[in-house]
Amino acid sequence: MRRFQVWIAAGVLTAILVMPQSAEAQGFSVNEQSSCAMGRGGTGVASPCADGSAIFFNPAGLILPKGKGVTSAGATMIAAKGDFTNSATGQVSTLEDHITPVPALYVGYGVSETATIGLGIFAPYGLAIEWPDDAQGRFLGYYSSVKGIYVQPTFGLKAGDRLSFGIGFDITQSSLELKQRVDLASQLVPGGGGATFANLGIAYGTDFANVQLTGNDMSLGFHLGAIAKITDDLSFGIRYLSKQTVNVDNGEATITQVATNLYLAPNNPLGLPAGTPIDALLAPQFQPGGRLVDQEGAAILPYPAQLNMGLTLQVTDKLKVLGDVGIQFWEVWSTLPLNFEYLGDRTLVEDYRNTTTWRLGTEYAVGSKSTARLGFIAHNAAAPPQTVTPLLPEGPRTEFTAGFGSRLSDRFGFDLAYQYIDQADRQGRSGDGGMAAPTTAVNDGLYTFSANLVGITLTYSF
């Protein structure tokens, strides 16, 4: 079953790539790591929020007075909607309704007048998506989950009145799960002399196997940042989050047979009696000695580096304007090797492009204890037209945010935020059309996508 090797390699790759169910930005990066920053469009490189989330947005902003500390905990709830409409048939497949949480936790403490230590736990890369198991793209994948949990010890240093630096060391635990179906029509018939099941009259779109792939790994990286106060009202910031490479060498592929309840026709090319159950013909492939038994798998998955720069202008005592620009180096998703115990090895070509995100945010003080926020985000897509799939239907997006925060006392505070993602409709594919290399020739429909996000963060100062 040579073609099954091609199928499973493609499915593993796309499942680990970009999923919009939990991905706010291009690729599977998630920038919603603080409700305060989320409300102002995710800006904060030059002026991070005072909730400890500088650990993610710019470690140079983690500067606290000696003996003072801050901790915050929160989550962003993401509700995505999307569908795929086949251009030829008009058939529509719709994403399952799910609410995906993205949690974050930060703690910071000033150990001296110039030095602050902190610890952050956040998930800047992750995805979770589910289509119905009869969706048109199920043979590329109908369920996938990738979780990259960063644990980042952080050190911030104040170098004078106008300059600060920060560094963090990231310890990342990643896990993945993929489920997908296998189409019988395109598979080679065992002992059939090169014939496929389609040659036996089996219709394309006939499920005969289900694959569940799981795996995990730990990786390391680093985080650098600097903030310069150019004038009393203008600040500049820069931060760099390093690339990490996740080596999933302990993956487990669980493969189970799906009943077709089909039978061979009379005068079939195999010379077998009419009425022979096709499921019985396939069963040996799922037993010891077959290629579709449970087996080990491996993949190398890079988390791309991020480079962000930003400016903050204190326009008045009450009004602050923030602007950030960020680059994500998705070019690391050029070619990706995959290895399986029995199904063999394959290198897939994805040809990802680096992406740029533009962010604009405002804050306005409402009284002495509350702040209102607005934001806008725009960015291009990482995936080229030939790799837009059911598990990667991303495209250029514009996003709108609003938020509100208040101090309930000297120690307690909260922040709320809302974000709407509007993605441009994009042509893509629901299968590979029998072609191993990515090509727009198999794009057979239109993907649509939008999402509503709600965030809440609670902060305690001590």
Protein backbone atom coordinates (compact mmCIF):
# COMPACT_ATOMS: atom_id res chain seq x y z
CA MET A 1 0.00 0.00 0.00
CA ARG A 2 2.49 2.56 -1.22
CA ARG A 3 -0.06 5.36 -1.46
CA PHE A 4 -0.95 4.98 2.20
CA GLN A 5 2.60 6.03 3.01
CA VAL A 6 2.05 9.28 1.09
CA TRP A 7 -1.27 9.86 2.79
CA ILE A 8 -0.18 9.42 6.37
CA ALA A 9 2.91 11.58 5.90
CA ALA A 10 0.81 14.42 4.55
CA GLY A 11 -1.72 14.05 7.32
CA VAL A 12 0.81 14.10 10.13
CA LEU A 13 2.38 17.23 8.75
CA THR A 14 -0.79 19.21 8.22
CA ALA A 15 -2.10 18.22 11.62
CA ILE A 16 0.94 19.70 13.27
CA LEU A 17 0.76 22.89 11.25
CA VAL A 18 -1.52 25.85 11.58
CA MET A 19 -4.98 25.42 13.02
CA PRO A 20 -7.29 28.41 13.30
CA GLN A 21 -9.40 26.91 16.10
CA SER A 22 -6.94 28.28 18.64
CA ALA A 23 -4.51 30.23 16.51
CA GLU A 24 -4.94 34.00 16.70
CA ALA A 25 -2.10 35.00 14.45
CA GLN A 26 -0.49 33.61 11.35
CA GLY A 27 0.75 30.11 11.76
CA PHE A 28 -0.24 28.54 15.05
CA SER A 29 1.14 31.34 17.21
CA VAL A 30 -1.13 32.66 19.95
CA ASN A 31 -0.49 36.22 21.12
CA GLU A 32 -3.36 36.45 23.63
CA GLN A 33 -1.24 35.95 26.74
CA SER A 34 -2.74 38.82 28.78
CA SER A 35 -6.22 40.33 28.77
CA CYS A 36 -4.69 43.76 29.34
CA ALA A 37 -2.52 43.50 26.22
CA MET A 38 -5.26 41.75 24.27
CA GLY A 39 -7.62 44.69 24.75
CA ARG A 40 -5.12 47.03 23.12
CA GLY A 41 -4.45 44.83 20.10
CA GLY A 42 -1.67 42.73 21.61
CA THR A 43 0.70 45.70 21.79
CA GLY A 44 3.22 45.95 24.60
CA VAL A 45 6.78 45.56 23.37
CA ALA A 46 7.69 49.11 24.44
CA SER A 47 5.32 49.26 27.41
CA PRO A 48 4.14 45.89 28.77
CA CYS A 49 1.13 45.72 31.08
CA ALA A 50 1.73 45.78 34.82
CA ASP A 51 0.33 42.28 35.37
CA GLY A 52 3.61 40.38 34.96
CA SER A 53 2.90 39.51 31.32
CA ALA A 54 6.08 41.36 30.35
CA ILE A 55 7.58 37.89 30.79
CA PHE A 56 5.95 37.09 27.42
CA PHE A 57 5.62 40.48 25.67
CA ASN A 58 9.09 41.79 26.57
CA PRO A 59 11.12 40.50 29.55
CA ALA A 60 12.85 43.90 29.77
CA GLY A 61 9.55 45.28 31.06
CA LEU A 62 9.63 43.06 34.16
CA ILE A 63 10.94 45.79 36.50
CA LEU A 64 9.51 45.99 40.02
CA PRO A 65 10.56 47.92 43.14
CA LYS A 66 12.66 46.05 45.68
CA GLY A 67 10.51 43.83 47.87
CA LYS A 68 7.41 44.24 45.70
CA GLY A 69 5.78 41.52 43.62
CA VAL A 70 2.94 40.82 41.21
CA THR A 71 1.17 37.70 40.08
CA SER A 72 -1.59 37.21 37.53
CA ALA A 73 -3.59 34.32 36.15
CA GLY A 74 -5.94 34.33 33.23
CA ALA A 75 -7.23 32.66 30.12
CA THR A 76 -8.46 33.55 26.66
CA MET A 77 -11.47 31.59 25.42
CA ILE A 78 -11.52 31.15 21.64
CA ALA A 79 -14.70 30.26 19.73
CA ALA A 80 -14.00 29.72 16.03
CA LYS A 81 -16.35 29.27 13.10
CA GLY A 82 -15.40 28.07 9.66
CA ASP A 83 -16.42 25.93 6.73
CA PHE A 84 -15.32 24.55 3.39
CA THR A 85 -17.51 24.71 0.28
CA ASN A 86 -16.64 22.44 -2.63
CA SER A 87 -16.58 24.47 -5.84
CA ALA A 88 -17.89 21.64 -8.01
CA THR A 89 -20.56 20.06 -5.81
CA GLY A 90 -21.52 22.87 -3.45
CA GLN A 91 -21.10 20.46 -0.52
CA VAL A 92 -20.31 22.25 2.75
CA SER A 93 -18.25 20.93 5.68
CA THR A 94 -18.43 22.94 8.90
CA LEU A 95 -16.04 23.06 11.85
CA GLU A 96 -17.34 21.54 15.07
CA ASP A 97 -18.31 24.14 17.68
CA HIS A 98 -15.71 24.27 20.43
CA ILE A 99 -14.44 26.80 22.94
CA THR A 100 -10.67 26.50 23.35
CA PRO A 101 -8.96 27.99 26.44
CA VAL A 102 -5.46 29.50 26.28
CA PRO A 103 -4.20 29.96 29.88
CA ALA A 104 -1.33 32.08 31.20
CA LEU A 105 0.28 32.53 34.63
CA TYR A 106 2.94 35.06 35.68
CA VAL A 107 4.84 35.86 38.89
CA GLY A 108 7.42 38.64 39.35
CA TYR A 109 9.38 39.90 42.36
CA GLY A 110 11.84 42.77 42.79
CA VAL A 111 15.00 41.45 44.45
CA SER A 112 16.78 44.83 44.38
CA GLU A 113 16.27 48.36 43.10
CA THR A 114 17.59 47.26 39.69
CA ALA A 115 16.85 43.54 39.39
CA THR A 116 13.59 41.60 39.12
CA ILE A 117 13.05 37.86 38.81
CA GLY A 118 9.96 36.16 37.47
CA LEU A 119 8.38 32.99 36.17
CA GLY A 120 5.85 32.66 33.37
CA ILE A 121 3.80 29.73 32.11
CA PHE A 122 2.14 30.37 28.77
CA ALA A 123 1.36 28.79 25.39
CA PRO A 124 2.57 30.93 22.46
CA TYR A 125 2.20 28.02 20.03
CA GLY A 126 -0.77 25.68 19.95
CA LEU A 127 -3.82 24.51 18.09
CA ALA A 128 -7.02 22.52 18.50
CA ILE A 129 -9.42 21.81 15.64
CA GLU A 130 -12.14 19.31 14.88
CA TRP A 131 -14.17 18.66 11.76
CA PRO A 132 -16.89 16.00 11.60
CA ASP A 133 -15.42 12.57 10.83
CA ASP A 134 -17.33 12.61 7.54
CA ALA A 135 -16.01 16.03 6.45
CA GLN A 136 -14.64 16.33 2.92
CA GLY A 137 -11.10 16.82 4.22
CA ARG A 138 -11.14 13.91 6.68
CA PHE A 139 -8.48 12.07 4.66
CA LEU A 140 -6.05 14.90 5.46
CA GLY A 141 -7.28 15.01 9.06
CA TYR A 142 -10.46 15.64 11.04
CA TYR A 143 -9.07 16.20 14.55
CA SER A 144 -5.77 17.65 15.68
CA SER A 145 -4.33 19.10 18.84
CA VAL A 146 -0.87 20.56 19.40
CA LYS A 147 0.10 22.07 22.75
CA GLY A 148 3.36 23.87 23.43
CA ILE A 149 3.53 24.89 27.10
CA TYR A 150 6.43 27.27 27.86
CA VAL A 151 7.85 27.54 31.39
CA GLN A 152 10.07 30.64 31.43
CA PRO A 153 12.28 31.75 34.34
CA THR A 154 12.97 35.43 33.65
CA PHE A 155 15.42 38.09 34.80
CA GLY A 156 14.88 41.85 34.30
CA LEU A 157 17.59 44.48 34.84
CA LYS A 158 17.17 48.23 35.10
CA ALA A 159 20.29 49.91 33.64
CA GLY A 160 19.71 53.53 34.58
CA ASP A 161 16.58 55.66 34.43
CA ARG A 162 15.90 55.12 30.73
CA LEU A 163 17.13 51.65 29.80
CA SER A 164 16.21 48.11 30.83
CA PHE A 165 17.07 44.62 29.63
CA GLY A 166 15.52 41.21 30.11
CA ILE A 167 16.27 37.57 29.44
CA GLY A 168 14.24 34.40 29.81
CA PHE A 169 15.02 30.71 29.40
CA ASP A 170 12.21 28.61 27.96
CA ILE A 171 11.56 25.00 28.88
CA THR A 172 8.81 23.75 26.61
CA GLN A 173 6.67 20.64 26.88
CA SER A 174 4.92 19.82 23.61
CA SER A 175 2.25 17.21 22.88
CA LEU A 176 0.27 16.38 19.77
CA GLU A 177 -2.70 14.26 18.75
CA LEU A 178 -4.09 13.66 15.27
CA LYS A 179 -7.03 11.67 13.95
CA GLN A 180 -7.72 11.05 10.28
CA ARG A 181 -9.40 8.62 7.93
CA VAL A 182 -7.94 6.70 4.97
CA ASP A 183 -9.61 6.52 1.54
CA LEU A 184 -9.81 2.97 0.20
CA ALA A 185 -10.24 3.81 -3.49
CA SER A 186 -6.68 5.09 -3.93
CA GLN A 187 -4.99 2.16 -2.15
CA LEU A 188 -3.22 -0.64 -4.00
CA VAL A 189 -5.03 -3.98 -3.91
CA PRO A 190 -2.93 -6.63 -2.09
CA GLY A 191 -1.79 -9.07 -4.77
CA GLY A 192 -3.59 -7.05 -7.41
CA GLY A 193 -0.64 -6.47 -9.72
CA GLY A 194 -0.66 -2.69 -9.29
CA ALA A 195 -4.44 -2.22 -9.45
CA THR A 196 -6.11 0.11 -7.02
CA PHE A 197 -9.44 -0.46 -5.31
CA ALA A 198 -10.88 2.18 -7.62
CA ASN A 199 -10.15 -0.27 -10.45
CA LEU A 200 -12.43 -2.70 -8.62
CA GLY A 201 -15.25 -0.16 -8.70
CA ILE A 202 -14.77 1.25 -5.19
CA ALA A 203 -15.88 4.88 -5.10
CA TYR A 204 -13.49 7.60 -3.94
CA GLY A 205 -14.39 8.74 -0.45
CA THR A 206 -14.76 5.22 1.00
CA ASP A 207 -13.35 5.11 4.53
CA PHE A 208 -11.55 1.91 5.50
CA ALA A 209 -9.10 2.92 8.27
CA ASN A 210 -8.80 5.39 11.13
CA VAL A 211 -5.44 6.63 12.39
CA GLN A 212 -4.75 8.26 15.75
CA LEU A 213 -1.26 9.66 16.20
CA THR A 214 0.08 10.88 19.55
CA GLY A 215 3.51 12.09 20.66
CA ASN A 216 5.36 14.50 22.95
CA ASP A 217 8.77 16.05 23.52
CA MET A 218 10.61 18.65 25.59
CA SER A 219 12.65 21.45 23.97
CA LEU A 220 14.63 24.52 25.05
CA GLY A 221 14.85 28.14 23.90
CA PHE A 222 15.47 31.68 25.08
CA HIS A 223 13.85 35.12 25.13
CA LEU A 224 15.61 38.51 24.98
CA GLY A 225 14.32 42.07 25.25
CA ALA A 226 15.25 45.72 25.72
CA ILE A 227 13.30 48.92 26.40
CA ALA A 228 14.61 52.46 25.98
CA LYS A 229 12.76 55.51 27.23
CA ILE A 230 13.67 58.00 24.51
CA THR A 231 11.86 60.92 26.16
CA ASP A 232 9.58 61.20 29.15
CA ASP A 233 6.64 60.38 26.86
CA LEU A 234 8.13 58.12 24.16
CA SER A 235 9.49 54.58 24.61
CA PHE A 236 10.96 52.03 22.20
CA GLY A 237 11.08 48.28 22.78
CA ILE A 238 12.43 45.21 21.02
CA ARG A 239 12.15 41.51 21.89
CA TYR A 240 13.28 38.24 20.34
CA LEU A 241 11.78 34.82 21.08
CA SER A 242 14.06 32.08 19.81
CA LYS A 243 13.26 29.20 17.52
CA GLN A 244 12.74 25.82 19.15
CA THR A 245 12.91 22.40 17.55
CA VAL A 246 10.57 19.69 18.81
CA ASN A 247 11.85 16.19 18.03
CA VAL A 248 8.86 13.90 18.33
CA ASP A 249 10.68 10.58 18.25
CA ASN A 250 8.27 8.66 20.47
CA GLY A 251 5.09 9.04 18.43
CA GLU A 252 2.55 6.23 18.45
CA ALA A 253 0.22 5.61 15.51
CA THR A 254 -2.85 3.58 16.43
CA ILE A 255 -4.52 2.28 13.26
CA THR A 256 -7.95 0.63 13.31
CA GLN A 257 -10.04 -0.86 10.52
CA VAL A 258 -13.28 0.89 9.53
CA ALA A 259 -15.95 -1.41 8.08
CA THR A 260 -16.90 -0.69 4.47
CA ASN A 261 -19.56 -3.43 4.27
CA LEU A 262 -18.73 -3.77 0.57
CA TYR A 263 -18.32 -6.91 -1.55
CA LEU A 264 -16.41 -7.83 -4.71
CA ALA A 265 -18.36 -7.76 -7.94
CA PRO A 266 -18.53 -10.69 -10.38
CA ASN A 267 -15.63 -11.07 -12.79
CA ASN A 268 -13.34 -8.93 -10.64
CA PRO A 269 -9.64 -8.61 -11.62
CA LEU A 270 -8.59 -10.68 -8.60
CA GLY A 271 -10.46 -13.71 -9.81
CA LEU A 272 -12.18 -14.06 -6.44
CA PRO A 273 -15.79 -15.17 -6.04
CA ALA A 274 -18.46 -12.51 -6.32
CA GLY A 275 -19.65 -11.43 -2.92
CA THR A 276 -16.25 -11.80 -1.24
CA PRO A 277 -16.23 -9.26 1.63
CA ILE A 278 -13.75 -6.48 0.95
CA ASP A 279 -13.28 -6.01 4.70
CA ALA A 280 -12.00 -9.60 4.92
CA LEU A 281 -9.62 -8.89 2.03
CA LEU A 282 -8.24 -5.89 3.94
CA ALA A 283 -8.09 -7.45 7.40
CA PRO A 284 -4.54 -8.92 7.07
CA GLN A 285 -3.17 -5.39 6.61
CA PHE A 286 -4.29 -4.59 10.18
CA GLN A 287 -2.77 -7.74 11.68
CA PRO A 288 0.86 -8.59 12.58
CA GLY A 289 2.91 -8.55 9.41
CA GLY A 290 0.67 -5.97 7.74
CA ARG A 291 1.59 -2.35 7.08
CA LEU A 292 -1.43 -0.90 8.89
CA VAL A 293 -0.64 -2.20 12.36
CA ASP A 294 0.04 0.08 15.32
CA GLN A 295 3.55 1.50 14.93
CA GLU A 296 6.02 4.13 16.01
CA GLY A 297 6.40 7.47 14.24
CA ALA A 298 8.73 10.46 14.36
CA ALA A 299 8.68 14.07 13.17
CA ILE A 300 10.75 17.22 13.57
CA LEU A 301 8.61 20.28 14.33
CA PRO A 302 10.15 23.76 14.56
CA TYR A 303 8.52 26.58 16.50
CA PRO A 304 9.62 29.67 14.51
CA ALA A 305 11.48 32.59 16.03
CA GLN A 306 9.69 35.91 16.63
CA LEU A 307 11.10 39.43 16.38
CA ASN A 308 8.96 42.34 17.59
CA MET A 309 9.54 46.07 17.86
CA GLY A 310 7.25 48.74 19.25
CA LEU A 311 6.73 52.36 20.24
CA THR A 312 4.62 53.81 23.03
CA LEU A 313 3.58 57.46 23.20
CA GLN A 314 2.02 58.96 26.32
CA VAL A 315 -0.13 61.57 24.55
CA THR A 316 -1.72 62.99 27.69
CA ASP A 317 -1.89 61.98 31.34
CA LYS A 318 -4.87 59.80 30.45
CA LEU A 319 -4.21 58.70 26.83
CA LYS A 320 -1.53 56.25 25.68
CA VAL A 321 -0.99 55.11 22.07
CA LEU A 322 0.99 51.95 21.25
CA GLY A 323 2.21 50.47 17.96
CA ASP A 324 4.05 47.18 17.32
CA VAL A 325 5.35 45.38 14.27
CA GLY A 326 6.40 41.74 14.40
CA ILE A 327 8.04 39.21 12.12
CA GLN A 328 7.57 35.46 12.49
CA PHE A 329 10.13 33.36 10.68
CA TRP A 330 7.88 30.69 9.19
CA GLU A 331 10.48 29.91 6.53
CA VAL A 332 11.58 27.11 8.87
CA TRP A 333 8.54 25.25 7.52
CA SER A 334 10.17 24.70 4.13
CA THR A 335 10.72 20.95 4.11
CA LEU A 336 9.81 18.62 6.95
CA PRO A 337 10.97 15.01 7.40
CA LEU A 338 8.62 12.31 8.70
CA ASN A 339 9.48 8.72 9.61
CA PHE A 340 7.35 5.66 10.38
CA GLU A 341 8.25 2.19 11.54
CA TYR A 342 6.53 0.32 8.69
CA LEU A 343 5.15 3.00 6.40
CA GLY A 344 8.58 4.44 5.62
CA ASP A 345 10.09 7.92 5.40
CA ARG A 346 9.08 11.03 3.49
CA THR A 347 10.14 14.67 3.25
CA LEU A 348 7.28 17.07 2.63
CA VAL A 349 7.57 20.44 0.94
CA GLU A 350 5.52 23.29 2.50
CA ASP A 351 7.29 26.47 1.29
CA TYR A 352 6.08 28.67 4.14
CA ARG A 353 6.76 32.40 4.06
CA ASN A 354 7.82 34.74 6.83
CA THR A 355 4.95 36.91 7.99
CA THR A 356 4.53 40.44 9.32
CA THR A 357 1.97 41.62 11.87
CA TRP A 358 1.00 45.25 12.46
CA ARG A 359 -0.62 46.19 15.76
CA LEU A 360 -2.12 49.45 17.01
CA GLY A 361 -3.53 50.00 20.48
CA THR A 362 -4.80 52.74 22.77
CA GLU A 363 -5.40 53.07 26.49
CA TYR A 364 -7.46 55.72 28.23
CA ALA A 365 -7.59 56.19 31.98
CA VAL A 366 -11.16 56.29 33.28
CA GLY A 367 -10.92 57.84 36.71
CA SER A 368 -8.03 56.87 38.97
CA LYS A 369 -8.46 53.08 38.97
CA SER A 370 -9.85 52.00 35.59
CA THR A 371 -8.61 51.85 32.00
CA ALA A 372 -10.44 51.43 28.69
CA ARG A 373 -8.66 49.93 25.68
CA LEU A 374 -9.05 49.51 21.90
CA GLY A 375 -6.87 47.80 19.32
CA PHE A 376 -6.46 46.79 15.67
CA ILE A 377 -4.35 44.02 14.09
CA ALA A 378 -3.52 43.16 10.48
CA HIS A 379 -1.25 40.46 9.07
CA ASN A 380 -0.61 38.33 6.01
CA ALA A 381 -0.68 34.55 5.72
CA ALA A 382 2.16 32.09 6.23
CA ALA A 383 0.85 29.33 3.96
CA PRO A 384 1.22 29.71 0.19
CA PRO A 385 -1.85 28.99 -1.98
CA GLN A 386 -0.79 25.41 -2.66
CA THR A 387 -0.79 24.34 1.01
CA VAL A 388 -4.17 25.66 2.18
CA THR A 389 -5.84 22.51 3.58
CA PRO A 390 -8.68 21.61 5.99
CA LEU A 391 -6.08 21.70 8.76
CA LEU A 392 -4.45 24.84 7.42
CA PRO A 393 -7.14 27.15 6.01
CA GLU A 394 -5.46 30.32 7.22
CA GLY A 395 -5.33 33.58 5.31
CA PRO A 396 -4.78 37.32 5.71
CA ARG A 397 -6.68 38.67 8.71
CA THR A 398 -7.88 41.89 10.25
CA GLU A 399 -8.74 41.85 13.93
CA PHE A 400 -10.47 44.26 16.29
CA THR A 401 -10.13 44.36 20.08
CA ALA A 402 -11.60 46.14 23.10
CA GLY A 403 -10.87 45.85 26.78
CA PHE A 404 -11.43 47.22 30.26
CA GLY A 405 -9.42 46.91 33.46
CA SER A 406 -9.86 48.13 37.00
CA ARG A 407 -8.14 48.01 40.37
CA LEU A 408 -10.55 46.74 43.02
CA SER A 409 -8.09 47.61 45.78
CA ASP A 410 -4.39 48.31 46.24
CA ARG A 411 -3.74 44.60 45.80
CA PHE A 412 -6.45 43.20 43.52
CA GLY A 413 -7.33 44.01 39.95
CA PHE A 414 -8.91 42.51 36.86
CA ASP A 415 -8.82 42.91 33.08
CA LEU A 416 -11.40 41.89 30.50
CA ALA A 417 -10.95 41.82 26.72
CA TYR A 418 -12.82 40.93 23.54
CA GLN A 419 -11.37 40.24 20.10
CA TYR A 420 -12.95 39.53 16.72
CA ILE A 421 -10.99 37.86 13.92
CA ASP A 422 -12.10 38.45 10.35
CA GLN A 423 -10.21 36.26 7.90
CA ALA A 424 -10.35 36.70 4.14
CA ASP A 425 -11.97 33.81 2.27
CA ARG A 426 -9.36 31.62 0.64
CA GLN A 427 -9.24 28.92 -2.03
CA GLY A 428 -7.79 25.62 -0.84
CA ARG A 429 -8.04 21.86 -1.12
CA SER A 430 -9.79 19.04 0.69
CA GLY A 431 -7.47 16.30 -0.62
CA ASP A 432 -4.25 15.76 -2.55
CA GLY A 433 -5.84 14.82 -5.87
CA GLY A 434 -3.30 12.04 -6.23
CA MET A 435 -0.38 14.50 -6.35
CA ALA A 436 2.51 14.13 -3.93
CA ALA A 437 3.88 17.68 -4.37
CA PRO A 438 1.91 20.76 -3.19
CA THR A 439 0.11 22.44 -6.08
CA THR A 440 -2.84 24.78 -6.57
CA ALA A 441 -4.10 22.38 -9.25
CA VAL A 442 -5.93 20.40 -6.55
CA ASN A 443 -7.55 23.42 -4.85
CA ASP A 444 -11.21 22.45 -5.05
CA GLY A 445 -13.11 24.82 -2.79
CA LEU A 446 -13.38 27.89 -0.58
CA TYR A 447 -12.51 28.18 3.11
CA THR A 448 -14.13 30.76 5.37
CA PHE A 449 -13.14 31.52 8.94
CA SER A 450 -13.89 33.91 11.80
CA ALA A 451 -13.52 33.79 15.58
CA ASN A 452 -14.65 35.49 18.76
CA LEU A 453 -12.24 35.64 21.70
CA VAL A 454 -12.92 36.62 25.30
CA GLY A 455 -10.17 37.04 27.88
CA ILE A 456 -10.07 37.56 31.63
CA THR A 457 -7.04 38.08 33.88
CA LEU A 458 -6.92 38.48 37.65
CA THR A 459 -3.93 40.30 39.19
CA TYR A 460 -2.61 40.37 42.75
CA SER A 461 0.15 42.74 43.91
CA PHE A 462 2.16 41.95 47.03
